[in-house]
N, C-alpha and C. Protein backbone atom coordinates (compact mmCIF):
# COMPACT_ATOMS: atom_id res chain seq x y z
N MET A 1 17.23 8.89 -0.82
CA MET A 1 16.80 9.13 0.51
C MET A 1 16.41 7.90 1.18
N ARG A 2 16.58 7.81 2.43
CA ARG A 2 16.39 6.41 3.19
C ARG A 2 15.05 6.55 3.88
N TRP A 3 14.25 5.49 3.80
CA TRP A 3 12.93 5.34 4.25
C TRP A 3 12.98 3.96 5.25
N VAL A 4 12.45 4.26 6.38
CA VAL A 4 12.54 3.21 7.43
C VAL A 4 11.19 2.75 7.85
N THR A 5 10.95 1.43 8.00
CA THR A 5 9.67 0.73 8.58
C THR A 5 10.07 -0.56 9.19
N HIS A 6 9.03 -1.10 9.85
CA HIS A 6 9.31 -2.37 10.55
C HIS A 6 9.63 -3.49 9.35
N GLU A 7 10.51 -4.48 9.87
CA GLU A 7 10.59 -5.64 9.15
C GLU A 7 9.53 -6.49 9.01
N ASN A 8 9.57 -7.56 8.00
CA ASN A 8 8.54 -8.47 7.62
C ASN A 8 7.34 -7.71 7.05
N VAL A 9 7.63 -6.87 6.09
CA VAL A 9 6.57 -6.02 5.39
C VAL A 9 5.27 -6.84 4.96
N GLN A 10 4.29 -6.14 5.14
CA GLN A 10 3.10 -6.80 4.65
C GLN A 10 2.34 -5.84 3.81
N ILE A 11 0.91 -5.87 3.64
CA ILE A 11 0.08 -5.18 2.62
C ILE A 11 0.35 -3.71 2.76
N ALA A 12 0.09 -3.11 3.87
CA ALA A 12 0.21 -1.46 3.92
C ALA A 12 1.58 -1.05 3.55
N ARG A 13 2.60 -1.75 4.26
CA ARG A 13 3.95 -1.30 3.82
C ARG A 13 4.49 -1.54 2.54
N LEU A 14 4.04 -2.66 1.99
CA LEU A 14 4.49 -3.00 0.70
C LEU A 14 3.82 -2.00 -0.40
N ALA A 15 2.57 -1.60 -0.22
CA ALA A 15 1.99 -0.58 -1.02
C ALA A 15 2.54 0.67 -0.87
N SER A 16 2.85 1.11 0.34
CA SER A 16 3.34 2.41 0.68
C SER A 16 4.78 2.47 0.00
N ALA A 17 5.56 1.40 0.22
CA ALA A 17 6.96 1.39 -0.39
C ALA A 17 6.87 1.57 -1.92
N TRP A 18 5.79 0.89 -2.51
CA TRP A 18 5.55 1.22 -3.98
C TRP A 18 5.23 2.56 -4.36
N LEU A 19 4.32 3.16 -3.49
CA LEU A 19 3.93 4.63 -3.78
C LEU A 19 5.19 5.43 -3.56
N ILE A 20 6.03 5.19 -2.54
CA ILE A 20 7.13 6.14 -2.32
C ILE A 20 8.20 5.90 -3.60
N LYS A 21 8.53 4.73 -3.89
CA LYS A 21 9.42 4.63 -5.09
C LYS A 21 8.83 5.12 -6.40
N ARG A 22 7.56 4.74 -6.65
CA ARG A 22 7.05 5.10 -7.94
C ARG A 22 6.69 6.57 -8.07
N PHE A 23 6.35 7.34 -6.92
CA PHE A 23 5.70 8.63 -7.16
C PHE A 23 6.57 9.65 -6.41
N ILE A 24 7.41 9.29 -5.45
CA ILE A 24 7.95 10.28 -4.64
C ILE A 24 9.61 10.32 -4.76
N ASP A 25 10.24 9.12 -4.71
CA ASP A 25 11.55 9.03 -4.55
C ASP A 25 11.90 7.63 -5.33
N PRO A 26 12.38 7.75 -6.67
CA PRO A 26 12.66 6.76 -7.46
C PRO A 26 13.95 6.01 -6.93
N ASP A 27 14.79 6.72 -6.34
CA ASP A 27 15.95 6.22 -5.75
C ASP A 27 15.83 5.82 -4.23
N ALA A 28 14.64 5.60 -3.71
CA ALA A 28 14.40 5.32 -2.44
C ALA A 28 15.10 4.06 -1.91
N ASN A 29 15.75 4.25 -0.75
CA ASN A 29 16.60 3.11 -0.04
C ASN A 29 15.76 2.76 1.25
N PHE A 30 15.30 1.64 1.02
CA PHE A 30 14.57 1.21 2.30
C PHE A 30 15.30 0.31 3.35
N ALA A 31 15.05 0.72 4.62
CA ALA A 31 15.69 -0.04 5.82
C ALA A 31 14.62 -0.54 6.66
N PHE A 32 14.91 -1.67 7.31
CA PHE A 32 13.85 -2.22 8.17
C PHE A 32 14.33 -2.49 9.54
N VAL A 33 13.57 -2.23 10.45
CA VAL A 33 13.92 -2.30 12.03
C VAL A 33 12.92 -3.27 12.58
N PRO A 34 13.47 -3.84 13.67
CA PRO A 34 12.51 -4.91 14.43
C PRO A 34 11.18 -4.24 14.72
N ARG A 35 10.19 -5.05 14.64
CA ARG A 35 8.86 -4.68 15.15
C ARG A 35 8.89 -4.25 16.67
N GLY A 36 8.38 -3.08 16.98
CA GLY A 36 8.45 -2.56 18.44
C GLY A 36 9.48 -1.58 18.44
N THR A 37 10.32 -1.37 17.56
CA THR A 37 11.25 -0.20 17.52
C THR A 37 10.48 1.11 17.52
N GLU A 38 10.81 1.87 18.47
CA GLU A 38 10.11 3.25 18.56
C GLU A 38 10.53 4.19 17.48
N VAL A 39 9.62 4.96 17.01
CA VAL A 39 10.04 5.79 15.82
C VAL A 39 11.00 6.82 16.25
N GLY A 40 11.07 7.24 17.51
CA GLY A 40 12.17 8.07 18.06
C GLY A 40 13.65 7.49 17.91
N ALA A 41 13.68 6.09 17.65
CA ALA A 41 14.98 5.43 17.67
C ALA A 41 15.42 5.55 16.25
N VAL A 42 14.67 5.93 15.21
CA VAL A 42 15.15 6.09 13.96
C VAL A 42 15.75 7.42 13.76
N THR A 43 17.12 7.38 13.60
CA THR A 43 17.89 8.63 13.53
C THR A 43 18.22 9.02 12.15
N GLU A 44 18.24 7.93 11.27
CA GLU A 44 18.54 8.38 9.71
C GLU A 44 17.37 7.72 8.96
N GLY A 45 16.64 8.63 8.32
CA GLY A 45 15.69 8.24 7.33
C GLY A 45 14.32 8.72 7.79
N THR A 46 13.31 8.50 6.85
CA THR A 46 11.96 9.00 7.12
C THR A 46 11.26 7.66 7.61
N PRO A 47 10.76 7.56 8.76
CA PRO A 47 10.02 6.35 9.10
C PRO A 47 8.49 6.51 8.62
N PHE A 48 8.07 5.47 8.19
CA PHE A 48 6.68 5.26 7.82
C PHE A 48 6.01 3.97 8.32
N HIS A 49 4.92 3.93 8.48
CA HIS A 49 3.88 2.95 8.99
C HIS A 49 4.53 2.36 10.29
N MET A 50 4.86 3.28 11.17
CA MET A 50 5.25 2.94 12.40
C MET A 50 4.52 3.95 13.34
N SER A 51 4.18 3.33 14.61
CA SER A 51 3.46 4.12 15.47
C SER A 51 4.15 5.32 15.97
N GLY A 52 3.64 6.46 15.89
CA GLY A 52 4.04 7.79 16.07
C GLY A 52 4.83 8.39 14.98
N ALA A 53 4.93 7.80 13.76
CA ALA A 53 5.59 8.47 12.52
C ALA A 53 4.52 9.39 11.97
N ASP A 54 5.01 10.42 11.27
CA ASP A 54 4.14 11.40 10.55
C ASP A 54 3.34 10.56 9.40
N LEU A 55 4.11 9.63 8.87
CA LEU A 55 3.61 8.85 7.72
C LEU A 55 3.16 7.38 8.20
N ALA A 56 2.04 7.56 8.86
CA ALA A 56 1.47 6.35 9.38
C ALA A 56 -0.11 6.36 9.49
N ASN A 57 -0.79 5.44 9.67
CA ASN A 57 -2.16 5.34 9.91
C ASN A 57 -2.67 6.71 10.78
N ARG A 58 -3.71 7.43 10.20
CA ARG A 58 -4.11 8.55 11.00
C ARG A 58 -5.64 8.60 10.76
N ASP A 59 -6.43 8.62 11.82
CA ASP A 59 -7.87 8.84 11.91
C ASP A 59 -8.32 7.50 11.05
N ASP A 60 -9.14 7.72 10.07
CA ASP A 60 -9.63 6.55 9.24
C ASP A 60 -8.72 6.33 7.97
N ARG A 61 -7.61 6.78 7.78
CA ARG A 61 -6.77 6.79 6.71
C ARG A 61 -5.58 5.94 6.99
N GLY A 62 -5.27 5.07 5.98
CA GLY A 62 -4.13 4.28 6.15
C GLY A 62 -2.94 4.89 5.83
N THR A 63 -1.71 4.34 6.04
CA THR A 63 -0.47 4.91 5.66
C THR A 63 -0.38 5.25 4.15
N PHE A 64 -0.77 4.44 3.32
CA PHE A 64 -0.65 4.73 1.83
C PHE A 64 -1.47 6.03 1.54
N GLN A 65 -2.66 6.21 2.26
CA GLN A 65 -3.41 7.39 1.86
C GLN A 65 -2.71 8.60 2.59
N VAL A 66 -2.35 8.52 3.79
CA VAL A 66 -1.54 9.51 4.42
C VAL A 66 -0.42 9.98 3.53
N ILE A 67 0.53 9.22 3.14
CA ILE A 67 1.45 9.55 2.34
C ILE A 67 1.18 10.16 1.04
N ALA A 68 0.07 9.67 0.38
CA ALA A 68 -0.39 10.34 -0.83
C ALA A 68 -0.94 11.62 -0.58
N GLU A 69 -1.52 11.89 0.59
CA GLU A 69 -1.93 13.27 0.91
C GLU A 69 -0.77 14.18 1.26
N THR A 70 0.04 13.69 2.09
CA THR A 70 1.20 14.53 2.52
C THR A 70 2.10 15.02 1.34
N TYR A 71 2.09 14.20 0.36
CA TYR A 71 3.10 14.55 -0.75
C TYR A 71 2.25 15.21 -1.91
N GLY A 72 1.12 15.47 -1.67
CA GLY A 72 0.20 16.02 -2.64
C GLY A 72 -0.17 15.18 -3.92
N LEU A 73 0.09 13.89 -3.81
CA LEU A 73 -0.25 13.11 -4.84
C LEU A 73 -1.75 12.94 -5.00
N ALA A 74 -2.57 12.74 -4.05
CA ALA A 74 -3.98 12.63 -3.98
C ALA A 74 -4.73 13.75 -4.73
N GLU A 75 -4.09 14.89 -4.65
CA GLU A 75 -4.62 16.01 -5.49
C GLU A 75 -4.49 15.86 -6.99
N LYS A 76 -3.36 15.49 -7.29
CA LYS A 76 -2.81 15.38 -8.76
C LYS A 76 -3.28 14.16 -9.42
N ASP A 77 -3.63 13.14 -8.73
CA ASP A 77 -3.91 11.69 -9.39
C ASP A 77 -5.08 11.07 -8.63
N PRO A 78 -6.19 11.09 -9.33
CA PRO A 78 -7.42 10.60 -8.50
C PRO A 78 -7.36 9.05 -8.40
N VAL A 79 -6.58 8.35 -9.50
CA VAL A 79 -6.36 6.93 -9.38
C VAL A 79 -5.74 6.61 -8.10
N LEU A 80 -4.66 7.34 -7.54
CA LEU A 80 -4.03 7.10 -6.36
C LEU A 80 -4.96 7.11 -5.19
N VAL A 81 -5.94 7.93 -5.24
CA VAL A 81 -7.02 8.06 -4.16
C VAL A 81 -7.86 6.77 -4.14
N GLU A 82 -8.17 6.27 -5.42
CA GLU A 82 -8.94 5.10 -5.59
C GLU A 82 -8.10 3.73 -5.04
N LEU A 83 -6.79 3.79 -5.41
CA LEU A 83 -5.88 2.79 -5.11
C LEU A 83 -5.75 2.88 -3.54
N GLY A 84 -5.79 3.98 -2.93
CA GLY A 84 -5.57 3.96 -1.43
C GLY A 84 -6.74 3.37 -0.79
N GLU A 85 -7.91 3.35 -1.40
CA GLU A 85 -9.11 2.69 -0.72
C GLU A 85 -8.97 1.13 -0.87
N VAL A 86 -8.43 0.74 -2.23
CA VAL A 86 -8.13 -0.74 -2.32
C VAL A 86 -7.20 -1.15 -1.34
N VAL A 87 -6.03 -0.51 -1.13
CA VAL A 87 -5.00 -0.73 -0.20
C VAL A 87 -5.63 -1.01 1.22
N SER A 88 -6.22 -0.09 1.61
CA SER A 88 -6.86 0.00 2.96
C SER A 88 -7.73 -1.16 3.15
N ALA A 89 -8.71 -1.55 2.24
CA ALA A 89 -9.41 -2.57 2.33
C ALA A 89 -8.74 -3.86 2.22
N ALA A 90 -7.59 -3.96 1.43
CA ALA A 90 -6.89 -5.15 1.42
C ALA A 90 -6.12 -5.38 2.68
N ASP A 91 -5.70 -4.34 3.37
CA ASP A 91 -5.00 -4.52 4.66
C ASP A 91 -5.85 -5.03 5.78
N ALA A 92 -7.21 -4.54 5.61
CA ALA A 92 -8.17 -4.97 6.69
C ALA A 92 -8.43 -6.42 6.40
N ILE A 93 -8.59 -6.86 5.14
CA ILE A 93 -8.80 -8.29 4.89
C ILE A 93 -7.57 -9.20 5.25
N HIS A 94 -6.38 -8.67 5.10
CA HIS A 94 -5.20 -9.36 5.44
C HIS A 94 -5.24 -9.77 7.03
N SER A 95 -5.56 -8.81 7.76
CA SER A 95 -5.46 -9.05 9.20
C SER A 95 -6.37 -10.25 9.71
N LYS A 96 -7.60 -10.15 8.99
CA LYS A 96 -8.59 -11.31 9.18
C LYS A 96 -8.12 -12.59 8.66
N VAL A 97 -7.68 -12.61 7.27
CA VAL A 97 -7.35 -13.87 6.72
C VAL A 97 -6.12 -14.46 7.23
N ALA A 98 -4.96 -13.63 7.26
CA ALA A 98 -3.66 -14.26 7.34
C ALA A 98 -3.43 -14.48 9.01
N PHE A 99 -4.07 -13.79 9.85
CA PHE A 99 -3.73 -13.76 11.20
C PHE A 99 -4.90 -14.56 12.04
N ARG A 100 -6.16 -14.50 11.53
CA ARG A 100 -7.19 -14.99 12.15
C ARG A 100 -7.71 -16.36 11.35
N GLY A 101 -7.40 -16.43 10.15
CA GLY A 101 -7.94 -17.60 9.58
C GLY A 101 -9.24 -17.45 8.93
N VAL A 102 -9.84 -16.36 8.99
CA VAL A 102 -11.16 -16.01 8.33
C VAL A 102 -11.15 -16.28 6.82
N PRO A 103 -12.19 -17.14 6.26
CA PRO A 103 -12.16 -17.24 4.96
C PRO A 103 -12.27 -15.85 4.16
N MET A 104 -11.68 -15.98 2.96
CA MET A 104 -11.58 -14.67 2.17
C MET A 104 -13.01 -14.12 1.83
N SER A 105 -13.89 -15.18 1.68
CA SER A 105 -15.28 -14.66 1.30
C SER A 105 -15.86 -14.00 2.37
N GLU A 106 -15.54 -14.20 3.70
CA GLU A 106 -16.08 -13.54 4.79
C GLU A 106 -15.34 -12.25 5.24
N ALA A 107 -14.08 -12.22 4.78
CA ALA A 107 -13.20 -11.17 5.23
C ALA A 107 -13.44 -9.87 4.48
N ALA A 108 -13.85 -10.01 3.35
CA ALA A 108 -13.84 -8.62 2.40
C ALA A 108 -15.07 -7.94 2.98
N PRO A 109 -14.74 -6.64 3.09
CA PRO A 109 -15.86 -5.68 3.66
C PRO A 109 -16.94 -5.55 2.69
N PRO A 110 -18.24 -5.62 3.03
CA PRO A 110 -19.32 -5.39 2.13
C PRO A 110 -19.11 -4.01 1.37
N GLY A 111 -19.43 -4.08 0.09
CA GLY A 111 -19.38 -2.86 -0.63
C GLY A 111 -17.91 -2.32 -0.84
N GLY A 112 -16.95 -3.01 -0.43
CA GLY A 112 -15.53 -2.67 -0.44
C GLY A 112 -15.10 -2.71 -2.01
N PRO A 113 -14.03 -2.11 -2.29
CA PRO A 113 -13.38 -2.17 -3.61
C PRO A 113 -13.35 -3.66 -4.10
N PRO A 114 -13.77 -4.10 -5.29
CA PRO A 114 -13.65 -5.45 -5.78
C PRO A 114 -12.15 -5.97 -5.89
N GLU A 115 -11.31 -5.14 -6.07
CA GLU A 115 -9.88 -5.53 -6.33
C GLU A 115 -9.32 -5.84 -5.03
N SER A 116 -9.78 -5.42 -3.81
CA SER A 116 -9.09 -5.67 -2.60
C SER A 116 -8.75 -7.08 -2.27
N PRO A 117 -9.67 -8.04 -2.38
CA PRO A 117 -9.32 -9.38 -2.09
C PRO A 117 -8.13 -10.08 -2.89
N GLY A 118 -8.19 -9.60 -4.20
CA GLY A 118 -7.11 -10.11 -5.12
C GLY A 118 -5.77 -9.45 -4.79
N LEU A 119 -5.87 -8.19 -4.42
CA LEU A 119 -4.49 -7.48 -3.96
C LEU A 119 -4.00 -7.87 -2.77
N GLN A 120 -4.81 -8.32 -1.90
CA GLN A 120 -4.29 -8.83 -0.60
C GLN A 120 -3.73 -10.23 -0.96
N ALA A 121 -4.19 -11.05 -1.73
CA ALA A 121 -3.67 -12.38 -2.05
C ALA A 121 -2.25 -12.19 -2.68
N LEU A 122 -2.32 -11.24 -3.69
CA LEU A 122 -1.06 -11.07 -4.52
C LEU A 122 -0.01 -10.47 -3.55
N LEU A 123 -0.27 -9.58 -2.72
CA LEU A 123 0.91 -8.95 -1.93
C LEU A 123 1.34 -9.82 -0.73
N HIS A 124 0.21 -10.50 -0.26
CA HIS A 124 0.63 -11.46 0.79
C HIS A 124 1.57 -12.61 0.13
N GLY A 125 1.14 -13.04 -1.05
CA GLY A 125 2.03 -14.05 -1.75
C GLY A 125 3.36 -13.62 -2.10
N SER A 126 3.44 -12.25 -2.42
CA SER A 126 4.84 -11.65 -2.69
C SER A 126 5.58 -11.80 -1.50
N ARG A 127 5.13 -11.58 -0.32
CA ARG A 127 5.94 -11.60 0.88
C ARG A 127 6.28 -13.08 1.30
N LEU A 128 5.32 -13.98 0.99
CA LEU A 128 5.63 -15.30 1.25
C LEU A 128 6.63 -16.02 0.44
N VAL A 129 6.81 -15.60 -0.87
CA VAL A 129 7.83 -16.25 -1.73
C VAL A 129 9.15 -15.50 -1.79
N ALA A 130 9.26 -14.32 -1.15
CA ALA A 130 10.43 -13.46 -1.02
C ALA A 130 11.39 -13.80 0.02
N ALA A 131 12.59 -13.78 -0.30
CA ALA A 131 13.66 -14.13 0.75
C ALA A 131 14.01 -13.08 1.64
N SER A 132 13.54 -11.79 1.31
CA SER A 132 13.73 -10.52 2.06
C SER A 132 12.70 -9.57 1.85
N ASP A 133 12.72 -8.54 2.84
CA ASP A 133 11.75 -7.41 2.74
C ASP A 133 11.88 -6.64 1.32
N LEU A 134 13.19 -6.46 1.01
CA LEU A 134 13.45 -5.76 -0.26
C LEU A 134 12.89 -6.59 -1.45
N GLU A 135 13.14 -7.69 -1.41
CA GLU A 135 12.74 -8.69 -2.52
C GLU A 135 11.12 -8.65 -2.68
N ALA A 136 10.48 -8.69 -1.46
CA ALA A 136 9.12 -8.65 -1.29
C ALA A 136 8.50 -7.34 -1.95
N ILE A 137 9.21 -6.21 -1.63
CA ILE A 137 8.78 -4.86 -2.29
C ILE A 137 8.92 -5.03 -3.80
N GLU A 138 10.07 -5.52 -4.32
CA GLU A 138 10.19 -5.63 -5.72
C GLU A 138 9.25 -6.53 -6.36
N ARG A 139 8.77 -7.65 -5.75
CA ARG A 139 7.82 -8.57 -6.29
C ARG A 139 6.38 -7.83 -6.23
N ALA A 140 6.06 -7.24 -5.27
CA ALA A 140 4.80 -6.68 -4.96
C ALA A 140 4.56 -5.50 -6.03
N ALA A 141 5.71 -4.84 -6.50
CA ALA A 141 5.56 -3.70 -7.33
C ALA A 141 4.74 -4.06 -8.59
N ALA A 142 5.05 -5.19 -9.27
CA ALA A 142 4.27 -5.61 -10.40
C ALA A 142 2.82 -5.66 -10.27
N SER A 143 2.40 -6.25 -9.12
CA SER A 143 1.06 -6.25 -8.86
C SER A 143 0.47 -4.91 -8.65
N LEU A 144 1.03 -3.99 -7.95
CA LEU A 144 0.63 -2.73 -7.83
C LEU A 144 0.60 -1.89 -9.06
N ASP A 145 1.53 -2.10 -9.97
CA ASP A 145 1.65 -1.47 -11.19
C ASP A 145 0.50 -1.90 -11.97
N ALA A 146 0.12 -3.20 -11.98
CA ALA A 146 -1.14 -3.74 -12.71
C ALA A 146 -2.33 -3.18 -12.23
N ILE A 147 -2.62 -3.19 -10.89
CA ILE A 147 -3.78 -2.59 -10.36
C ILE A 147 -3.99 -1.22 -10.62
N TYR A 148 -2.89 -0.50 -10.55
CA TYR A 148 -2.89 1.04 -10.87
C TYR A 148 -3.30 1.19 -12.32
N ALA A 149 -2.76 0.44 -13.16
CA ALA A 149 -3.06 0.52 -14.73
C ALA A 149 -4.52 0.15 -14.98
N SER A 150 -4.96 -0.85 -14.28
CA SER A 150 -6.33 -1.22 -14.35
C SER A 150 -7.37 -0.16 -13.94
N LEU A 151 -7.07 0.33 -12.75
CA LEU A 151 -7.93 1.58 -12.29
C LEU A 151 -7.88 2.66 -13.18
N GLN A 152 -6.72 3.06 -13.77
CA GLN A 152 -6.52 4.07 -14.62
C GLN A 152 -7.39 3.77 -15.91
N ALA A 153 -7.26 2.62 -16.43
CA ALA A 153 -7.83 2.29 -17.80
C ALA A 153 -9.47 2.41 -17.46
N ARG A 154 -9.93 1.98 -16.35
CA ARG A 154 -11.36 2.08 -16.13
C ARG A 154 -11.91 3.47 -15.97
N ARG A 155 -10.94 4.24 -15.40
CA ARG A 155 -11.28 5.63 -15.31
C ARG A 155 -11.29 6.40 -16.68
N ASP A 156 -10.34 5.99 -17.42
CA ASP A 156 -10.25 6.57 -18.74
C ASP A 156 -11.52 6.19 -19.71
N ARG A 157 -11.90 4.79 -19.55
CA ARG A 157 -13.03 4.35 -20.31
C ARG A 157 -14.29 5.12 -19.74
N ALA A 158 -14.45 5.28 -18.58
CA ALA A 158 -15.60 6.03 -18.06
C ALA A 158 -15.61 7.36 -18.45
N GLY A 159 -14.58 8.10 -18.46
CA GLY A 159 -14.42 9.40 -18.91
C GLY A 159 -14.78 9.65 -20.47
N THR A 160 -14.31 8.61 -21.33
CA THR A 160 -14.64 8.55 -22.73
C THR A 160 -16.13 8.17 -23.04
N GLN A 161 -16.72 7.49 -22.11
CA GLN A 161 -18.25 7.25 -22.27
C GLN A 161 -19.08 8.44 -21.91
N ARG A 162 -18.45 9.15 -21.01
CA ARG A 162 -19.26 10.45 -20.44
C ARG A 162 -19.20 11.45 -21.64
N GLU A 163 -18.12 11.42 -22.35
CA GLU A 163 -18.02 12.34 -23.34
C GLU A 163 -18.66 11.95 -24.80
N GLY A 164 -19.30 10.77 -24.66
CA GLY A 164 -20.02 10.30 -25.76
C GLY A 164 -19.37 9.59 -26.92
N ARG A 165 -18.13 9.16 -26.62
CA ARG A 165 -17.20 8.49 -27.83
C ARG A 165 -17.48 7.07 -27.81
């Protein structure tokens, strides 16, 4: 299936592409349109993280969270719910650090997920060293796989401790 978003993917779109490829459509084909392209102009594929798309920021939820909810992943996998919070905070940090030059120490939301600043740095770095949007998605996948595994392991340890083992 074809999935369409704006070019020059950053935090939310990188994480959303990972979510799509890892949990929804392993054969996903990504296409990129210039920023400002209206969602109505997308005639082939499913648009995501574009203004007016069904799979975009909604209320207080980011695109990653909306996709997870839309496809029933949030109900099945609590780690994806937690990762969605990490991604949303990382995206908020990114707009402050990358676009306004705010130091990372001041950009992280108080009480936010501790993984968010690191995820922001890894995903932004993936974009910076990649020659294309597709390569950025591929590079970011390793970081997202690692954060997902770390969150899963923490959840598993907490469950084992509650069971008294």
